[in-house]
PDB file of all heavy atoms in Angstrom:
ATOM      1  N   ASP A   1     -15.428 -18.957  17.030  1.00  0.00           N
ATOM      2  CA  ASP A   1     -15.652 -19.023  15.577  1.00  0.00           C
ATOM      3  C   ASP A   1     -16.149 -17.679  15.060  1.00  0.00           C
ATOM      4  O   ASP A   1     -15.700 -17.209  14.018  1.00  0.00           O
ATOM      5  CB  ASP A   1     -16.669 -20.124  15.239  1.00  0.00           C
ATOM      6  CG  ASP A   1     -16.108 -21.518  15.454  1.00  0.00           C
ATOM      7  OD1 ASP A   1     -14.866 -21.647  15.531  1.00  0.00           O
ATOM      8  OD2 ASP A   1     -16.907 -22.473  15.519  1.00  0.00           O
ATOM      9  N   LYS A   2     -17.076 -17.069  15.779  1.00  0.00           N
ATOM     10  CA  LYS A   2     -17.584 -15.754  15.376  1.00  0.00           C
ATOM     11  C   LYS A   2     -16.473 -14.714  15.387  1.00  0.00           C
ATOM     12  O   LYS A   2     -16.372 -13.895  14.464  1.00  0.00           O
ATOM     13  CB  LYS A   2     -18.723 -15.329  16.292  1.00  0.00           C
ATOM     14  CG  LYS A   2     -19.404 -14.046  15.836  1.00  0.00           C
ATOM     15  CD  LYS A   2     -20.571 -13.713  16.727  1.00  0.00           C
ATOM     16  CE  LYS A   2     -21.345 -12.517  16.254  1.00  0.00           C
ATOM     17  NZ  LYS A   2     -20.690 -11.268  16.382  1.00  0.00           N
ATOM     18  N   ALA A   3     -15.637 -14.772  16.422  1.00  0.00           N
ATOM     19  CA  ALA A   3     -14.529 -13.807  16.511  1.00  0.00           C
ATOM     20  C   ALA A   3     -13.551 -14.018  15.345  1.00  0.00           C
ATOM     21  O   ALA A   3     -13.050 -13.043  14.766  1.00  0.00           O
ATOM     22  CB  ALA A   3     -13.792 -13.957  17.836  1.00  0.00           C
ATOM     23  N   GLN A   4     -13.281 -15.275  15.000  1.00  0.00           N
ATOM     24  CA  GLN A   4     -12.390 -15.553  13.873  1.00  0.00           C
ATOM     25  C   GLN A   4     -12.988 -15.051  12.567  1.00  0.00           C
ATOM     26  O   GLN A   4     -12.297 -14.466  11.733  1.00  0.00           O
ATOM     27  CB  GLN A   4     -12.077 -17.050  13.774  1.00  0.00           C
ATOM     28  CG  GLN A   4     -11.130 -17.525  14.865  1.00  0.00           C
ATOM     29  CD  GLN A   4     -10.907 -19.034  14.828  1.00  0.00           C
ATOM     30  OE1 GLN A   4     -11.665 -19.757  14.194  1.00  0.00           O
ATOM     31  NE2 GLN A   4      -9.872 -19.494  15.513  1.00  0.00           N
ATOM     32  N   LEU A   5     -14.292 -15.301  12.395  1.00  0.00           N
ATOM     33  CA  LEU A   5     -14.952 -14.796  11.183  1.00  0.00           C
ATOM     34  C   LEU A   5     -14.912 -13.278  11.119  1.00  0.00           C
ATOM     35  O   LEU A   5     -14.658 -12.692  10.048  1.00  0.00           O
ATOM     36  CB  LEU A   5     -16.410 -15.294  11.120  1.00  0.00           C
ATOM     37  CG  LEU A   5     -16.594 -16.778  10.821  1.00  0.00           C
ATOM     38  CD1 LEU A   5     -18.079 -17.153  10.938  1.00  0.00           C
ATOM     39  CD2 LEU A   5     -16.070 -17.115   9.442  1.00  0.00           C
ATOM     40  N   ASP A   6     -15.167 -12.634  12.274  1.00  0.00           N
ATOM     41  CA  ASP A   6     -15.114 -11.173  12.315  1.00  0.00           C
ATOM     42  C   ASP A   6     -13.709 -10.682  11.991  1.00  0.00           C
ATOM     43  O   ASP A   6     -13.535  -9.703  11.260  1.00  0.00           O
ATOM     44  CB  ASP A   6     -15.570 -10.652  13.678  1.00  0.00           C
ATOM     45  CG  ASP A   6     -17.065 -10.810  13.889  1.00  0.00           C
ATOM     46  OD1 ASP A   6     -17.792 -11.078  12.904  1.00  0.00           O
ATOM     47  OD2 ASP A   6     -17.526 -10.678  15.058  1.00  0.00           O
ATOM     48  N   ALA A   7     -12.702 -11.377  12.554  1.00  0.00           N
ATOM     49  CA  ALA A   7     -11.315 -10.960  12.302  1.00  0.00           C
ATOM     50  C   ALA A   7     -10.970 -11.130  10.818  1.00  0.00           C
ATOM     51  O   ALA A   7     -10.333 -10.258  10.222  1.00  0.00           O
ATOM     52  CB  ALA A   7     -10.355 -11.791  13.163  1.00  0.00           C
ATOM     53  N   GLU A   8     -11.401 -12.242  10.238  1.00  0.00           N
ATOM     54  CA  GLU A   8     -11.151 -12.451   8.804  1.00  0.00           C
ATOM     55  C   GLU A   8     -11.860 -11.404   7.959  1.00  0.00           C
ATOM     56  O   GLU A   8     -11.322 -10.905   6.981  1.00  0.00           O
ATOM     57  CB  GLU A   8     -11.591 -13.865   8.391  1.00  0.00           C
ATOM     58  CG  GLU A   8     -10.682 -14.941   8.922  1.00  0.00           C
ATOM     59  CD  GLU A   8     -11.205 -16.347   8.599  1.00  0.00           C
ATOM     60  OE1 GLU A   8     -12.122 -16.460   7.751  1.00  0.00           O
ATOM     61  OE2 GLU A   8     -10.698 -17.301   9.207  1.00  0.00           O
ATOM     62  N   ARG A   9     -13.097 -11.064   8.368  1.00  0.00           N
ATOM     63  CA  ARG A   9     -13.839 -10.047   7.630  1.00  0.00           C
ATOM     64  C   ARG A   9     -13.147  -8.701   7.736  1.00  0.00           C
ATOM     65  O   ARG A   9     -13.018  -7.965   6.748  1.00  0.00           O
ATOM     66  CB  ARG A   9     -15.269  -9.953   8.161  1.00  0.00           C
ATOM     67  CG  ARG A   9     -16.145  -8.968   7.387  1.00  0.00           C
ATOM     68  CD  ARG A   9     -17.559  -8.881   7.931  1.00  0.00           C
ATOM     69  NE  ARG A   9     -17.658  -8.803   9.356  1.00  0.00           N
ATOM     70  CZ  ARG A   9     -17.511  -7.711  10.079  1.00  0.00           C
ATOM     71  NH1 ARG A   9     -17.246  -6.553   9.488  1.00  0.00           N
ATOM     72  NH2 ARG A   9     -17.642  -7.722  11.399  1.00  0.00           N
ATOM     73  N   VAL A  10     -12.681  -8.366   8.946  1.00  0.00           N
ATOM     74  CA  VAL A  10     -11.989  -7.079   9.134  1.00  0.00           C
ATOM     75  C   VAL A  10     -10.695  -7.068   8.313  1.00  0.00           C
ATOM     76  O   VAL A  10     -10.383  -6.055   7.653  1.00  0.00           O
ATOM     77  CB  VAL A  10     -11.688  -6.852  10.643  1.00  0.00           C
ATOM     78  CG1 VAL A  10     -10.701  -5.726  10.842  1.00  0.00           C
ATOM     79  CG2 VAL A  10     -12.980  -6.562  11.398  1.00  0.00           C
ATOM     80  N   LYS A  11      -9.954  -8.203   8.310  1.00  0.00           N
ATOM     81  CA  LYS A  11      -8.737  -8.262   7.500  1.00  0.00           C
ATOM     82  C   LYS A  11      -9.062  -8.126   6.029  1.00  0.00           C
ATOM     83  O   LYS A  11      -8.377  -7.409   5.286  1.00  0.00           O
ATOM     84  CB  LYS A  11      -8.016  -9.592   7.755  1.00  0.00           C
ATOM     85  CG  LYS A  11      -7.248  -9.625   9.048  1.00  0.00           C
ATOM     86  CD  LYS A  11      -6.671 -10.987   9.406  1.00  0.00           C
ATOM     87  CE  LYS A  11      -5.903 -11.647   8.348  1.00  0.00           C
ATOM     88  NZ  LYS A  11      -5.333 -12.962   8.762  1.00  0.00           N
ATOM     89  N   SER A  12     -10.130  -8.789   5.578  1.00  0.00           N
ATOM     90  CA  SER A  12     -10.524  -8.707   4.173  1.00  0.00           C
ATOM     91  C   SER A  12     -10.928  -7.277   3.819  1.00  0.00           C
ATOM     92  O   SER A  12     -10.534  -6.758   2.768  1.00  0.00           O
ATOM     93  CB  SER A  12     -11.677  -9.677   3.922  1.00  0.00           C
ATOM     94  OG  SER A  12     -12.160  -9.529   2.616  1.00  0.00           O
ATOM     95  N   ASP A  13     -11.726  -6.668   4.707  1.00  0.00           N
ATOM     96  CA  ASP A  13     -12.125  -5.274   4.453  1.00  0.00           C
ATOM     97  C   ASP A  13     -10.930  -4.358   4.415  1.00  0.00           C
ATOM     98  O   ASP A  13     -10.860  -3.441   3.576  1.00  0.00           O
ATOM     99  CB  ASP A  13     -13.127  -4.821   5.532  1.00  0.00           C
ATOM    100  CG  ASP A  13     -14.482  -5.487   5.409  1.00  0.00           C
ATOM    101  OD1 ASP A  13     -14.737  -6.142   4.365  1.00  0.00           O
ATOM    102  OD2 ASP A  13     -15.308  -5.355   6.358  1.00  0.00           O
ATOM    103  N   ALA A  14      -9.985  -4.580   5.328  1.00  0.00           N
ATOM    104  CA  ALA A  14      -8.778  -3.737   5.366  1.00  0.00           C
ATOM    105  C   ALA A  14      -7.956  -3.927   4.096  1.00  0.00           C
ATOM    106  O   ALA A  14      -7.423  -2.964   3.532  1.00  0.00           O
ATOM    107  CB  ALA A  14      -7.938  -4.070   6.599  1.00  0.00           C
ATOM    108  N   LYS A  15      -7.872  -5.203   3.646  1.00  0.00           N
ATOM    109  CA  LYS A  15      -7.111  -5.470   2.422  1.00  0.00           C
ATOM    110  C   LYS A  15      -7.778  -4.795   1.224  1.00  0.00           C
ATOM    111  O   LYS A  15      -7.108  -4.182   0.401  1.00  0.00           O
ATOM    112  CB  LYS A  15      -7.017  -6.976   2.214  1.00  0.00           C
ATOM    113  CG  LYS A  15      -6.137  -7.374   1.058  1.00  0.00           C
ATOM    114  CD  LYS A  15      -6.010  -8.884   0.978  1.00  0.00           C
ATOM    115  CE  LYS A  15      -5.128  -9.278  -0.187  1.00  0.00           C
ATOM    116  NZ  LYS A  15      -5.018 -10.740  -0.318  1.00  0.00           N
ATOM    117  N   LYS A  16      -9.116  -4.927   1.146  1.00  0.00           N
ATOM    118  CA  LYS A  16      -9.851  -4.273   0.051  1.00  0.00           C
ATOM    119  C   LYS A  16      -9.673  -2.763   0.101  1.00  0.00           C
ATOM    120  O   LYS A  16      -9.480  -2.118  -0.924  1.00  0.00           O
ATOM    121  CB  LYS A  16     -11.328  -4.639   0.104  1.00  0.00           C
ATOM    122  CG  LYS A  16     -11.622  -6.059  -0.327  1.00  0.00           C
ATOM    123  CD  LYS A  16     -13.109  -6.351  -0.210  1.00  0.00           C
ATOM    124  CE  LYS A  16     -13.407  -7.812  -0.527  1.00  0.00           C
ATOM    125  NZ  LYS A  16     -14.830  -8.114  -0.323  1.00  0.00           N
ATOM    126  N   SER A  17      -9.772  -2.235   1.330  1.00  0.00           N
ATOM    127  CA  SER A  17      -9.619  -0.794   1.493  1.00  0.00           C
ATOM    128  C   SER A  17      -8.216  -0.350   1.077  1.00  0.00           C
ATOM    129  O   SER A  17      -8.059   0.679   0.406  1.00  0.00           O
ATOM    130  CB  SER A  17      -9.885  -0.418   2.952  1.00  0.00           C
ATOM    131  OG  SER A  17      -9.703   0.949   3.152  1.00  0.00           O
ATOM    132  N   ALA A  18      -7.200  -1.131   1.475  1.00  0.00           N
ATOM    133  CA  ALA A  18      -5.834  -0.804   1.099  1.00  0.00           C
ATOM    134  C   ALA A  18      -5.661  -0.877  -0.420  1.00  0.00           C
ATOM    135  O   ALA A  18      -5.007  -0.013  -1.029  1.00  0.00           O
ATOM    136  CB  ALA A  18      -4.845  -1.743   1.791  1.00  0.00           C
ATOM    137  N   GLU A  19      -6.233  -1.900  -1.037  1.00  0.00           N
ATOM    138  CA  GLU A  19      -6.149  -2.033  -2.498  1.00  0.00           C
ATOM    139  C   GLU A  19      -6.843  -0.869  -3.178  1.00  0.00           C
ATOM    140  O   GLU A  19      -6.341  -0.316  -4.173  1.00  0.00           O
ATOM    141  CB  GLU A  19      -6.765  -3.353  -2.940  1.00  0.00           C
ATOM    142  CG  GLU A  19      -5.944  -4.572  -2.621  1.00  0.00           C
ATOM    143  CD  GLU A  19      -6.632  -5.877  -2.950  1.00  0.00           C
ATOM    144  OE1 GLU A  19      -7.812  -5.849  -3.414  1.00  0.00           O
ATOM    145  OE2 GLU A  19      -6.038  -6.935  -2.729  1.00  0.00           O
ATOM    146  N   LEU A  20      -8.011  -0.483  -2.629  1.00  0.00           N
ATOM    147  CA  LEU A  20      -8.741   0.649  -3.211  1.00  0.00           C
ATOM    148  C   LEU A  20      -7.944   1.940  -3.066  1.00  0.00           C
ATOM    149  O   LEU A  20      -7.866   2.728  -4.012  1.00  0.00           O
ATOM    150  CB  LEU A  20     -10.111   0.775  -2.507  1.00  0.00           C
ATOM    151  CG  LEU A  20     -11.083   1.776  -3.115  1.00  0.00           C
ATOM    152  CD1 LEU A  20     -11.484   1.339  -4.504  1.00  0.00           C
ATOM    153  CD2 LEU A  20     -12.305   1.919  -2.236  1.00  0.00           C
ATOM    154  N   GLU A  21      -7.354   2.136  -1.886  1.00  0.00           N
ATOM    155  CA  GLU A  21      -6.538   3.342  -1.682  1.00  0.00           C
ATOM    156  C   GLU A  21      -5.320   3.335  -2.610  1.00  0.00           C
ATOM    157  O   GLU A  21      -4.934   4.369  -3.141  1.00  0.00           O
ATOM    158  CB  GLU A  21      -6.097   3.436  -0.212  1.00  0.00           C
ATOM    159  CG  GLU A  21      -7.212   3.767   0.746  1.00  0.00           C
ATOM    160  CD  GLU A  21      -7.794   5.167   0.497  1.00  0.00           C
ATOM    161  OE1 GLU A  21      -7.023   6.115   0.194  1.00  0.00           O
ATOM    162  OE2 GLU A  21      -9.028   5.295   0.575  1.00  0.00           O
ATOM    163  N   THR A  22      -4.728   2.142  -2.785  1.00  0.00           N
ATOM    164  CA  THR A  22      -3.571   2.039  -3.687  1.00  0.00           C
ATOM    165  C   THR A  22      -3.989   2.390  -5.106  1.00  0.00           C
ATOM    166  O   THR A  22      -3.272   3.108  -5.823  1.00  0.00           O
ATOM    167  CB  THR A  22      -3.000   0.600  -3.626  1.00  0.00           C
ATOM    168  OG1 THR A  22      -2.664   0.293  -2.298  1.00  0.00           O
ATOM    169  CG2 THR A  22      -1.771   0.452  -4.502  1.00  0.00           C
ATOM    170  N   GLU A  23      -5.135   1.859  -5.509  1.00  0.00           N
ATOM    171  CA  GLU A  23      -5.628   2.156  -6.874  1.00  0.00           C
ATOM    172  C   GLU A  23      -5.912   3.642  -7.020  1.00  0.00           C
ATOM    173  O   GLU A  23      -5.579   4.239  -8.053  1.00  0.00           O
ATOM    174  CB  GLU A  23      -6.893   1.322  -7.159  1.00  0.00           C
ATOM    175  CG  GLU A  23      -7.429   1.455  -8.545  1.00  0.00           C
ATOM    176  CD  GLU A  23      -6.479   0.962  -9.619  1.00  0.00           C
ATOM    177  OE1 GLU A  23      -5.640   0.095  -9.345  1.00  0.00           O
ATOM    178  OE2 GLU A  23      -6.570   1.460 -10.756  1.00  0.00           O
ATOM    179  N   LYS A  24      -6.530   4.256  -5.989  1.00  0.00           N
ATOM    180  CA  LYS A  24      -6.812   5.692  -6.060  1.00  0.00           C
ATOM    181  C   LYS A  24      -5.512   6.491  -6.160  1.00  0.00           C
ATOM    182  O   LYS A  24      -5.404   7.440  -6.948  1.00  0.00           O
ATOM    183  CB  LYS A  24      -7.587   6.154  -4.819  1.00  0.00           C
ATOM    184  CG  LYS A  24      -9.041   5.824  -4.846  1.00  0.00           C
ATOM    185  CD  LYS A  24      -9.705   6.376  -3.577  1.00  0.00           C
ATOM    186  CE  LYS A  24     -11.158   6.018  -3.499  1.00  0.00           C
ATOM    187  NZ  LYS A  24     -11.763   6.507  -2.252  1.00  0.00           N
ATOM    188  N   ALA A  25      -4.529   6.073  -5.362  1.00  0.00           N
ATOM    189  CA  ALA A  25      -3.237   6.780  -5.375  1.00  0.00           C
ATOM    190  C   ALA A  25      -2.573   6.592  -6.730  1.00  0.00           C
ATOM    191  O   ALA A  25      -1.970   7.537  -7.293  1.00  0.00           O
ATOM    192  CB  ALA A  25      -2.332   6.247  -4.259  1.00  0.00           C
ATOM    193  N   ARG A  26      -2.627   5.381  -7.293  1.00  0.00           N
ATOM    194  CA  ARG A  26      -2.039   5.121  -8.599  1.00  0.00           C
ATOM    195  C   ARG A  26      -2.702   5.984  -9.660  1.00  0.00           C
ATOM    196  O   ARG A  26      -2.046   6.600 -10.525  1.00  0.00           O
ATOM    197  CB  ARG A  26      -2.163   3.646  -8.963  1.00  0.00           C
ATOM    198  CG  ARG A  26      -1.349   3.233 -10.194  1.00  0.00           C
ATOM    199  CD  ARG A  26      -1.447   1.753 -10.465  1.00  0.00           C
ATOM    200  NE  ARG A  26      -2.792   1.327 -10.823  1.00  0.00           N
ATOM    201  CZ  ARG A  26      -3.361   1.504 -12.019  1.00  0.00           C
ATOM    202  NH1 ARG A  26      -2.720   2.132 -12.982  1.00  0.00           N
ATOM    203  NH2 ARG A  26      -4.569   1.058 -12.258  1.00  0.00           N
ATOM    204  N   LEU A  27      -4.049   6.050  -9.630  1.00  0.00           N
ATOM    205  CA  LEU A  27      -4.771   6.886 -10.596  1.00  0.00           C
ATOM    206  C   LEU A  27      -4.420   8.363 -10.428  1.00  0.00           C
ATOM    207  O   LEU A  27      -4.242   9.086 -11.419  1.00  0.00           O
ATOM    208  CB  LEU A  27      -6.276   6.671 -10.473  1.00  0.00           C
ATOM    209  CG  LEU A  27      -6.812   5.335 -10.984  1.00  0.00           C
ATOM    210  CD1 LEU A  27      -8.305   5.226 -10.693  1.00  0.00           C
ATOM    211  CD2 LEU A  27      -6.541   5.188 -12.478  1.00  0.00           C
ATOM    212  N   ALA A  28      -4.289   8.799  -9.177  1.00  0.00           N
ATOM    213  CA  ALA A  28      -3.944  10.204  -8.932  1.00  0.00           C
ATOM    214  C   ALA A  28      -2.547  10.505  -9.449  1.00  0.00           C
ATOM    215  O   ALA A  28      -2.305  11.572 -10.058  1.00  0.00           O
ATOM    216  CB  ALA A  28      -4.047  10.519  -7.436  1.00  0.00           C
ATOM    217  N   VAL A  29      -1.621   9.560  -9.228  1.00  0.00           N
ATOM    218  CA  VAL A  29      -0.259   9.760  -9.730  1.00  0.00           C
ATOM    219  C   VAL A  29      -0.261   9.782 -11.250  1.00  0.00           C
ATOM    220  O   VAL A  29       0.424  10.608 -11.876  1.00  0.00           O
ATOM    221  CB  VAL A  29       0.674   8.638  -9.171  1.00  0.00           C
ATOM    222  CG1 VAL A  29       2.005   8.617  -9.895  1.00  0.00           C
ATOM    223  CG2 VAL A  29       0.885   8.840  -7.674  1.00  0.00           C
ATOM    224  N   ASN A  30      -1.038   8.846 -11.846  1.00  0.00           N
ATOM    225  CA  ASN A  30      -1.114   8.822 -13.324  1.00  0.00           C
ATOM    226  C   ASN A  30      -1.660  10.134 -13.866  1.00  0.00           C
ATOM    227  O   ASN A  30      -1.171  10.659 -14.879  1.00  0.00           O
ATOM    228  CB  ASN A  30      -1.973   7.655 -13.810  1.00  0.00           C
ATOM    229  CG  ASN A  30      -1.265   6.321 -13.715  1.00  0.00           C
ATOM    230  OD1 ASN A  30      -0.054   6.296 -13.604  1.00  0.00           O
ATOM    231  ND2 ASN A  30      -2.002   5.235 -13.785  1.00  0.00           N
ATOM    232  N   GLU A  31      -2.698  10.647 -13.215  1.00  0.00           N
ATOM    233  CA  GLU A  31      -3.277  11.914 -13.657  1.00  0.00           C
ATOM    234  C   GLU A  31      -2.277  13.048 -13.522  1.00  0.00           C
ATOM    235  O   GLU A  31      -2.138  13.906 -14.407  1.00  0.00           O
ATOM    236  CB  GLU A  31      -4.553  12.237 -12.864  1.00  0.00           C
ATOM    237  CG  GLU A  31      -5.747  11.432 -13.280  1.00  0.00           C
ATOM    238  CD  GLU A  31      -7.001  11.827 -12.483  1.00  0.00           C
ATOM    239  OE1 GLU A  31      -7.067  12.962 -11.955  1.00  0.00           O
ATOM    240  OE2 GLU A  31      -7.892  10.966 -12.389  1.00  0.00           O
ATOM    241  N   GLU A  32      -1.548  13.034 -12.408  1.00  0.00           N
ATOM    242  CA  GLU A  32      -0.571  14.095 -12.199  1.00  0.00           C
ATOM    243  C   GLU A  32       0.583  13.994 -13.207  1.00  0.00           C
ATOM    244  O   GLU A  32       1.033  14.995 -13.768  1.00  0.00           O
ATOM    245  CB  GLU A  32      -0.010  14.016 -10.770  1.00  0.00           C
ATOM    246  CG  GLU A  32       0.741  15.267 -10.378  1.00  0.00           C
ATOM    247  CD  GLU A  32       1.083  15.277  -8.905  1.00  0.00           C
ATOM    248  OE1 GLU A  32       0.233  14.923  -8.064  1.00  0.00           O
ATOM    249  OE2 GLU A  32       2.220  15.648  -8.606  1.00  0.00           O
ATOM    250  N   ILE A  33       1.024  12.750 -13.432  1.00  0.00           N
ATOM    251  CA  ILE A  33       2.079  12.556 -14.424  1.00  0.00           C
ATOM    252  C   ILE A  33       1.597  12.976 -15.809  1.00  0.00           C
ATOM    253  O   ILE A  33       2.326  13.622 -16.589  1.00  0.00           O
ATOM    254  CB  ILE A  33       2.565  11.084 -14.424  1.00  0.00           C
ATOM    255  CG1 ILE A  33       3.317  10.781 -13.138  1.00  0.00           C
ATOM    256  CG2 ILE A  33       3.450  10.784 -15.641  1.00  0.00           C
ATOM    257  CD1 ILE A  33       3.689   9.330 -12.951  1.00  0.00           C
ATOM    258  N   ALA A  34       0.344  12.640 -16.117  1.00  0.00           N
ATOM    259  CA  ALA A  34      -0.212  13.024 -17.435  1.00  0.00           C
ATOM    260  C   ALA A  34      -0.285  14.549 -17.537  1.00  0.00           C
ATOM    261  O   ALA A  34       0.004  15.118 -18.602  1.00  0.00           O
ATOM    262  CB  ALA A  34      -1.584  12.404 -17.613  1.00  0.00           C
ATOM    263  N   GLN A  35      -0.682  15.173 -16.440  1.00  0.00           N
ATOM    264  CA  GLN A  35      -0.759  16.648 -16.421  1.00  0.00           C
ATOM    265  C   GLN A  35       0.633  17.251 -16.672  1.00  0.00           C
ATOM    266  O   GLN A  35       0.773  18.176 -17.480  1.00  0.00           O
ATOM    267  CB  GLN A  35      -1.345  17.116 -15.105  1.00  0.00           C
ATOM    268  CG  GLN A  35      -1.540  18.589 -15.025  1.00  0.00           C
ATOM    269  CD  GLN A  35      -2.682  19.062 -15.949  1.00  0.00           C
ATOM    270  OE1 GLN A  35      -3.584  18.308 -16.284  1.00  0.00           O
ATOM    271  NE2 GLN A  35      -2.599  20.288 -16.396  1.00  0.00           N
ATOM    272  N   ILE A  36       1.620  16.674 -15.960  1.00  0.00           N
ATOM    273  CA  ILE A  36       2.981  17.204 -16.131  1.00  0.00           C
ATOM    274  C   ILE A  36       3.469  16.934 -17.551  1.00  0.00           C
ATOM    275  O   ILE A  36       4.111  17.785 -18.179  1.00  0.00           O
ATOM    276  CB  ILE A  36       3.933  16.550 -15.086  1.00  0.00           C
ATOM    277  CG1 ILE A  36       3.557  17.022 -13.686  1.00  0.00           C
ATOM    278  CG2 ILE A  36       5.372  16.871 -15.385  1.00  0.00           C
ATOM    279  CD1 ILE A  36       4.282  16.310 -12.576  1.00  0.00           C
ATOM    280  N   ALA A  37       3.140  15.739 -18.058  1.00  0.00           N
ATOM    281  CA  ALA A  37       3.569  15.395 -19.416  1.00  0.00           C
ATOM    282  C   ALA A  37       2.910  16.340 -20.419  1.00  0.00           C
ATOM    283  O   ALA A  37       3.541  16.780 -21.410  1.00  0.00           O
ATOM    284  CB  ALA A  37       3.217  13.952 -19.738  1.00  0.00           C
ATOM    285  N   MET A  38       1.659  16.661 -20.186  1.00  0.00           N
ATOM    286  CA  MET A  38       0.972  17.574 -21.099  1.00  0.00           C
ATOM    287  C   MET A  38       1.570  18.973 -21.027  1.00  0.00           C
ATOM    288  O   MET A  38       1.744  19.629 -22.055  1.00  0.00           O
ATOM    289  CB  MET A  38      -0.527  17.608 -20.791  1.00  0.00           C
ATOM    290  CG  MET A  38      -1.213  16.359 -21.255  1.00  0.00           C
ATOM    291  SD  MET A  38      -2.945  16.294 -20.896  1.00  0.00           S
ATOM    292  CE  MET A  38      -3.587  17.758 -21.577  1.00  0.00           C
ATOM    293  N   GLU A  39       1.879  19.390 -19.844  1.00  0.00           N
ATOM    294  CA  GLU A  39       2.487  20.720 -19.703  1.00  0.00           C
ATOM    295  C   GLU A  39       3.854  20.736 -20.390  1.00  0.00           C
ATOM    296  O   GLU A  39       4.212  21.717 -21.060  1.00  0.00           O
ATOM    297  CB  GLU A  39       2.619  21.093 -18.229  1.00  0.00           C
ATOM    298  CG  GLU A  39       1.306  21.407 -17.578  1.00  0.00           C
ATOM    299  CD  GLU A  39       1.447  21.644 -16.073  1.00  0.00           C
ATOM    300  OE1 GLU A  39       2.581  21.652 -15.556  1.00  0.00           O
ATOM    301  OE2 GLU A  39       0.402  21.796 -15.428  1.00  0.00           O
ATOM    302  N   THR A  40       4.603  19.642 -20.193  1.00  0.00           N
ATOM    303  CA  THR A  40       5.917  19.573 -20.808  1.00  0.00           C
ATOM    304  C   THR A  40       5.769  19.508 -22.334  1.00  0.00           C
ATOM    305  O   THR A  40       6.508  20.173 -23.077  1.00  0.00           O
ATOM    306  CB  THR A  40       6.656  18.306 -20.320  1.00  0.00           C
ATOM    307  OG1 THR A  40       6.685  18.318 -18.919  1.00  0.00           O
ATOM    308  CG2 THR A  40       8.061  18.229 -20.868  1.00  0.00           C
ATOM    309  N   ALA A  41       4.836  18.726 -22.782  1.00  0.00           N
ATOM    310  CA  ALA A  41       4.629  18.613 -24.232  1.00  0.00           C
ATOM    311  C   ALA A  41       4.168  19.959 -24.806  1.00  0.00           C
ATOM    312  O   ALA A  41       4.566  20.331 -25.906  1.00  0.00           O
ATOM    313  CB  ALA A  41       3.598  17.525 -24.526  1.00  0.00           C
TER     314      ALA A  41
END
């Protein structure tokens, strides 16, 4: 039971970490696109 809880916690942490990284990447892409759009404008 403890091992299953630990595995679920690790999976949850990994999922949160992946979501956080995805959000960071999305924000970075948005900033870069905005920068390019501003330069183009």
